[in-house]
Amino acid sequence: MKTDNPELFEHMPVSMAVIMLIIPTIISLIITVIYNMADTFFIGQMNDPNQVAAATLTLPRCSPM
C-alpha cells in the first residue's frame, strides 16, 4: 500500500478519507485484541493473578500495521 497518497487528503471528501483510514485501523485493533485475549487465556490457566498482571504490563502488543 502506498503511504504517501496526496489524493486521499487533497481531493477526496473528508468523510471518505476518514472511512479509508478507519477500516484498516479497526481491523488491526481487532487482531491485537484477539492476540491479547489468547495470551491472557493461556497465562490465566495457571491460576496465578500475578502472572496475568505481569504479562499485561510487560507484553503490550503494538498494532500490526
N, C-alpha and C. Protein backbone atom coordinates (compact mmCIF):
# COMPACT_ATOMS: atom_id res chain seq x y z
N MET A 1 0.83 -1.18 0.00
CA MET A 1 0.00 0.00 0.00
C MET A 1 0.88 1.24 0.00
N LYS A 2 0.54 2.16 -0.83
CA LYS A 2 1.32 3.39 -0.93
C LYS A 2 1.03 4.29 0.26
N THR A 3 2.08 4.75 0.93
CA THR A 3 1.89 5.52 2.15
C THR A 3 1.81 7.03 1.91
N ASP A 4 2.32 7.51 0.81
CA ASP A 4 2.28 8.95 0.55
C ASP A 4 1.28 9.23 -0.57
N ASN A 5 0.00 9.16 -0.21
CA ASN A 5 -1.07 9.31 -1.17
C ASN A 5 -1.70 10.69 -1.03
N PRO A 6 -1.27 11.66 -1.83
CA PRO A 6 -1.84 13.01 -1.71
C PRO A 6 -3.31 13.06 -2.14
N GLU A 7 -3.74 12.12 -2.96
CA GLU A 7 -5.14 12.08 -3.40
C GLU A 7 -6.08 11.96 -2.21
N LEU A 8 -5.68 11.21 -1.22
CA LEU A 8 -6.52 10.97 -0.05
C LEU A 8 -6.84 12.26 0.69
N PHE A 9 -5.88 13.15 0.82
CA PHE A 9 -6.09 14.36 1.61
C PHE A 9 -6.37 15.61 0.79
N GLU A 10 -6.03 15.59 -0.48
CA GLU A 10 -6.21 16.80 -1.29
C GLU A 10 -7.54 16.85 -2.03
N HIS A 11 -7.99 15.73 -2.56
CA HIS A 11 -9.15 15.77 -3.44
C HIS A 11 -10.35 14.98 -2.93
N MET A 12 -10.15 14.08 -2.01
CA MET A 12 -11.24 13.23 -1.54
C MET A 12 -12.03 13.95 -0.45
N PRO A 13 -13.35 13.75 -0.40
CA PRO A 13 -14.13 14.34 0.70
C PRO A 13 -13.64 13.81 2.05
N VAL A 14 -13.79 14.63 3.06
CA VAL A 14 -13.28 14.29 4.39
C VAL A 14 -13.90 12.99 4.91
N SER A 15 -15.20 12.82 4.74
CA SER A 15 -15.84 11.61 5.26
C SER A 15 -15.30 10.36 4.58
N MET A 16 -15.04 10.43 3.30
CA MET A 16 -14.49 9.27 2.59
C MET A 16 -13.04 8.99 3.01
N ALA A 17 -12.27 10.05 3.21
CA ALA A 17 -10.88 9.88 3.65
C ALA A 17 -10.83 9.25 5.04
N VAL A 18 -11.73 9.67 5.92
CA VAL A 18 -11.77 9.11 7.26
C VAL A 18 -12.13 7.63 7.20
N ILE A 19 -13.11 7.27 6.40
CA ILE A 19 -13.50 5.87 6.26
C ILE A 19 -12.34 5.03 5.73
N MET A 20 -11.61 5.56 4.77
CA MET A 20 -10.48 4.80 4.22
C MET A 20 -9.37 4.60 5.24
N LEU A 21 -9.28 5.48 6.21
CA LEU A 21 -8.27 5.33 7.26
C LEU A 21 -8.79 4.52 8.45
N ILE A 22 -10.08 4.55 8.69
CA ILE A 22 -10.65 3.86 9.84
C ILE A 22 -10.67 2.35 9.65
N ILE A 23 -11.00 1.90 8.46
CA ILE A 23 -11.17 0.46 8.23
C ILE A 23 -9.90 -0.33 8.54
N PRO A 24 -8.73 0.00 8.02
CA PRO A 24 -7.53 -0.76 8.38
C PRO A 24 -7.16 -0.64 9.86
N THR A 25 -7.45 0.51 10.45
CA THR A 25 -7.16 0.70 11.86
C THR A 25 -8.01 -0.22 12.72
N ILE A 26 -9.28 -0.31 12.42
CA ILE A 26 -10.17 -1.18 13.19
C ILE A 26 -9.76 -2.64 13.04
N ILE A 27 -9.43 -3.05 11.83
CA ILE A 27 -9.00 -4.44 11.60
C ILE A 27 -7.75 -4.76 12.42
N SER A 28 -6.78 -3.86 12.41
CA SER A 28 -5.55 -4.13 13.16
C SER A 28 -5.80 -4.15 14.66
N LEU A 29 -6.71 -3.30 15.15
CA LEU A 29 -7.02 -3.32 16.58
C LEU A 29 -7.75 -4.59 16.98
N ILE A 30 -8.62 -5.10 16.12
CA ILE A 30 -9.30 -6.36 16.42
C ILE A 30 -8.30 -7.51 16.50
N ILE A 31 -7.34 -7.53 15.58
CA ILE A 31 -6.30 -8.57 15.61
C ILE A 31 -5.49 -8.47 16.90
N THR A 32 -5.16 -7.27 17.31
CA THR A 32 -4.40 -7.06 18.54
C THR A 32 -5.19 -7.54 19.76
N VAL A 33 -6.48 -7.24 19.81
CA VAL A 33 -7.31 -7.66 20.94
C VAL A 33 -7.39 -9.19 21.00
N ILE A 34 -7.56 -9.83 19.86
CA ILE A 34 -7.62 -11.30 19.84
C ILE A 34 -6.31 -11.89 20.33
N TYR A 35 -5.20 -11.34 19.89
CA TYR A 35 -3.89 -11.82 20.32
C TYR A 35 -3.72 -11.65 21.84
N ASN A 36 -4.11 -10.50 22.37
CA ASN A 36 -4.00 -10.26 23.81
C ASN A 36 -4.93 -11.18 24.60
N MET A 37 -6.12 -11.44 24.09
CA MET A 37 -7.04 -12.34 24.78
C MET A 37 -6.50 -13.77 24.80
N ALA A 38 -5.85 -14.20 23.73
CA ALA A 38 -5.26 -15.53 23.70
C ALA A 38 -4.13 -15.63 24.73
N ASP A 39 -3.28 -14.61 24.79
CA ASP A 39 -2.21 -14.60 25.80
C ASP A 39 -2.80 -14.68 27.21
N THR A 40 -3.80 -13.87 27.49
CA THR A 40 -4.40 -13.84 28.82
C THR A 40 -5.06 -15.17 29.14
N PHE A 41 -5.70 -15.79 28.17
CA PHE A 41 -6.35 -17.08 28.41
C PHE A 41 -5.34 -18.14 28.82
N PHE A 42 -4.26 -18.27 28.06
CA PHE A 42 -3.30 -19.33 28.35
C PHE A 42 -2.50 -19.05 29.62
N ILE A 43 -2.17 -17.82 29.89
CA ILE A 43 -1.48 -17.50 31.13
C ILE A 43 -2.44 -17.65 32.31
N GLY A 44 -3.73 -17.34 32.09
CA GLY A 44 -4.73 -17.49 33.13
C GLY A 44 -4.97 -18.92 33.54
N GLN A 45 -4.59 -19.88 32.70
CA GLN A 45 -4.76 -21.30 33.04
C GLN A 45 -3.89 -21.69 34.24
N MET A 46 -2.90 -20.88 34.57
CA MET A 46 -2.03 -21.18 35.71
C MET A 46 -2.63 -20.77 37.04
N ASN A 47 -3.78 -20.09 37.02
CA ASN A 47 -4.49 -19.65 38.24
C ASN A 47 -3.62 -18.79 39.15
N ASP A 48 -2.82 -17.95 38.55
CA ASP A 48 -1.99 -17.02 39.33
C ASP A 48 -2.22 -15.61 38.80
N PRO A 49 -2.99 -14.78 39.50
CA PRO A 49 -3.29 -13.44 39.00
C PRO A 49 -2.05 -12.57 38.85
N ASN A 50 -0.99 -12.86 39.59
CA ASN A 50 0.24 -12.07 39.46
C ASN A 50 0.89 -12.29 38.10
N GLN A 51 0.82 -13.50 37.58
CA GLN A 51 1.41 -13.77 36.26
C GLN A 51 0.61 -13.11 35.16
N VAL A 52 -0.72 -13.08 35.29
CA VAL A 52 -1.55 -12.40 34.30
C VAL A 52 -1.25 -10.90 34.32
N ALA A 53 -1.11 -10.33 35.52
CA ALA A 53 -0.80 -8.91 35.64
C ALA A 53 0.57 -8.61 35.06
N ALA A 54 1.54 -9.48 35.32
CA ALA A 54 2.89 -9.26 34.79
C ALA A 54 2.89 -9.32 33.25
N ALA A 55 2.17 -10.27 32.69
CA ALA A 55 2.11 -10.37 31.23
C ALA A 55 1.41 -9.16 30.62
N THR A 56 0.38 -8.67 31.29
CA THR A 56 -0.34 -7.50 30.80
C THR A 56 0.55 -6.26 30.80
N LEU A 57 1.39 -6.13 31.80
CA LEU A 57 2.26 -4.96 31.89
C LEU A 57 3.49 -5.06 31.00
N THR A 58 4.04 -6.26 30.85
CA THR A 58 5.31 -6.39 30.15
C THR A 58 5.18 -6.78 28.68
N LEU A 59 4.03 -7.27 28.25
CA LEU A 59 3.86 -7.72 26.87
C LEU A 59 2.79 -6.94 26.11
N PRO A 60 2.78 -5.62 26.18
CA PRO A 60 1.78 -4.92 25.37
C PRO A 60 2.09 -5.09 23.89
N ARG A 61 1.09 -5.29 23.13
CA ARG A 61 1.27 -5.52 21.69
C ARG A 61 1.03 -4.24 20.93
N CYS A 62 1.87 -4.00 19.98
CA CYS A 62 1.69 -2.87 19.08
C CYS A 62 0.80 -3.29 17.92
N SER A 63 0.21 -2.33 17.31
CA SER A 63 -0.64 -2.60 16.15
C SER A 63 0.19 -3.20 15.03
N PRO A 64 -0.33 -4.23 14.34
CA PRO A 64 0.46 -4.90 13.28
C PRO A 64 0.64 -4.07 12.04
N MET A 65 0.13 -2.88 11.98
CA MET A 65 0.25 -2.08 10.76
C MET A 65 1.65 -1.64 10.57
